[in-house]
Amino acid sequence: MTRTIFTTAALVLATAIPAQAEQFAVRIDAAYQGANDRLMEAMQITEIDSFSQGDAHYVVLDAPDEAYVEAFFFAIGRDAIELNTLDADWRAPGMDGLSVAQRLDFLRAIHCEFCTS
């Protein structure tokens, strides 16, 4: 009886807790114009923000991992220049008071096989 209760509880917790997405900031070749909502849903990608800082253009995404980001950029036909993970949640209440330049300090470049440079 106890084993059944623990097994049931574990199954409930496993289905109730959604998979964690990671946040990625991708430097791209030109200003981001958005993507088709159905494509983003199918690829499990959520756009958080897009902006330009000087001559650099970025899009910030939630995605299960970098392979999803790579597939997304392949699907929309855009070139990624640099792939970054974020050391802090881009949408966190404390982040909205920072300038874009200050927020860029929270980016951590990671290896990117699909980036053009």
Protein backbone atom coordinates (compact mmCIF):
# COMPACT_ATOMS: atom_id res chain seq x y z
CA MET A 1 0.00 0.00 0.00
CA THR A 2 2.76 2.46 0.97
CA ARG A 3 4.69 1.63 -2.21
CA THR A 4 1.61 2.44 -4.31
CA ILE A 5 1.15 5.81 -2.60
CA PHE A 6 4.80 6.76 -3.16
CA THR A 7 4.68 5.62 -6.78
CA THR A 8 1.51 7.61 -7.41
CA ALA A 9 2.97 10.68 -5.71
CA ALA A 10 6.13 10.45 -7.81
CA LEU A 11 4.08 10.21 -11.01
CA VAL A 12 1.97 13.20 -10.03
CA LEU A 13 5.06 15.29 -9.28
CA ALA A 14 6.76 14.24 -12.51
CA THR A 15 3.79 15.29 -14.63
CA ALA A 16 2.99 18.42 -12.65
CA ILE A 17 6.46 19.95 -12.86
CA PRO A 18 7.10 21.27 -16.37
CA ALA A 19 10.45 20.76 -18.05
CA GLN A 20 12.76 23.68 -17.46
CA ALA A 21 13.67 25.75 -20.47
CA GLU A 22 16.93 27.61 -20.67
CA GLN A 23 17.30 31.19 -21.80
CA PHE A 24 19.54 31.95 -24.73
CA ALA A 25 20.60 35.28 -26.19
CA VAL A 26 21.60 34.95 -29.82
CA ARG A 27 23.50 37.67 -31.62
CA ILE A 28 22.20 37.73 -35.18
CA ASP A 29 23.12 39.30 -38.51
CA ALA A 30 20.29 41.88 -38.64
CA ALA A 31 17.39 43.16 -36.53
CA TYR A 32 14.97 40.37 -35.59
CA GLN A 33 11.51 40.69 -37.11
CA GLY A 34 9.83 37.86 -35.22
CA ALA A 35 8.77 34.41 -36.33
CA ASN A 36 5.56 32.54 -36.97
CA ASP A 37 3.78 31.69 -33.70
CA ARG A 38 2.94 28.17 -34.90
CA LEU A 39 6.58 27.51 -35.74
CA MET A 40 7.70 28.75 -32.34
CA GLU A 41 5.12 26.60 -30.59
CA ALA A 42 6.06 23.51 -32.60
CA MET A 43 9.74 24.06 -31.84
CA GLN A 44 9.07 24.75 -28.13
CA ILE A 45 10.67 28.21 -28.41
CA THR A 46 9.41 31.37 -26.71
CA GLU A 47 10.64 34.81 -27.65
CA ILE A 48 11.45 36.87 -24.56
CA ASP A 49 12.98 39.97 -26.10
CA SER A 50 14.76 41.33 -29.15
CA PHE A 51 16.88 44.45 -29.30
CA SER A 52 19.85 46.15 -30.92
CA GLN A 53 22.85 47.47 -29.03
CA GLY A 54 25.10 49.51 -31.27
CA ASP A 55 25.65 47.46 -34.43
CA ALA A 56 24.80 44.17 -32.69
CA HIS A 57 21.33 42.62 -32.85
CA TYR A 58 20.03 40.09 -30.34
CA VAL A 59 17.04 37.87 -29.73
CA VAL A 60 16.48 36.32 -26.29
CA LEU A 61 14.69 32.96 -26.31
CA ASP A 62 13.45 30.27 -23.95
CA ALA A 63 14.26 26.84 -25.38
CA PRO A 64 14.77 23.33 -24.00
CA ASP A 65 18.44 23.42 -25.12
CA GLU A 66 20.75 24.83 -27.78
CA ALA A 67 19.77 22.19 -30.35
CA TYR A 68 16.27 23.69 -30.43
CA VAL A 69 17.78 27.14 -30.94
CA GLU A 70 19.89 25.83 -33.83
CA ALA A 71 16.85 24.19 -35.47
CA PHE A 72 14.84 27.38 -35.01
CA PHE A 73 17.42 29.55 -36.75
CA PHE A 74 17.74 27.01 -39.55
CA ALA A 75 13.94 27.05 -39.96
CA ILE A 76 13.70 30.85 -40.14
CA GLY A 77 16.73 31.14 -42.44
CA ARG A 78 18.68 33.55 -40.24
CA ASP A 79 22.39 33.54 -39.43
CA ALA A 80 23.42 33.37 -35.81
CA ILE A 81 26.73 35.02 -35.02
CA GLU A 82 27.05 34.17 -31.32
CA LEU A 83 25.18 31.96 -28.85
CA ASN A 84 24.95 32.89 -25.18
CA THR A 85 23.25 31.50 -22.11
CA LEU A 86 22.02 33.84 -19.42
CA ASP A 87 23.33 33.81 -15.87
CA ALA A 88 20.12 35.52 -14.68
CA ASP A 89 16.49 35.38 -15.78
CA TRP A 90 16.02 38.10 -18.42
CA ARG A 91 12.46 38.67 -17.14
CA ALA A 92 13.37 38.86 -13.44
CA PRO A 93 12.00 41.95 -11.65
CA GLY A 94 15.49 43.27 -10.91
CA MET A 95 16.58 43.02 -14.54
CA ASP A 96 13.99 45.42 -15.92
CA GLY A 97 15.65 48.33 -14.09
CA LEU A 98 18.96 47.70 -15.86
CA SER A 99 20.00 49.17 -19.18
CA VAL A 100 20.53 46.81 -22.11
CA ALA A 101 24.29 47.33 -21.78
CA GLN A 102 24.10 46.23 -18.12
CA ARG A 103 21.96 43.23 -18.99
CA LEU A 104 24.55 42.11 -21.55
CA ASP A 105 26.91 41.50 -18.62
CA PHE A 106 24.71 38.52 -17.72
CA LEU A 107 25.41 36.78 -21.05
CA ARG A 108 27.87 33.90 -21.12
CA ALA A 109 29.10 32.84 -24.57
CA ILE A 110 28.93 29.12 -25.25
CA HIS A 111 30.28 27.00 -28.09
CA CYS A 112 28.11 27.37 -31.19
CA GLU A 113 28.56 24.96 -34.09
CA PHE A 114 25.88 26.66 -36.19
CA CYS A 115 27.11 30.25 -35.77
CA THR A 116 28.66 31.96 -38.76
CA SER A 117 31.69 33.38 -36.98
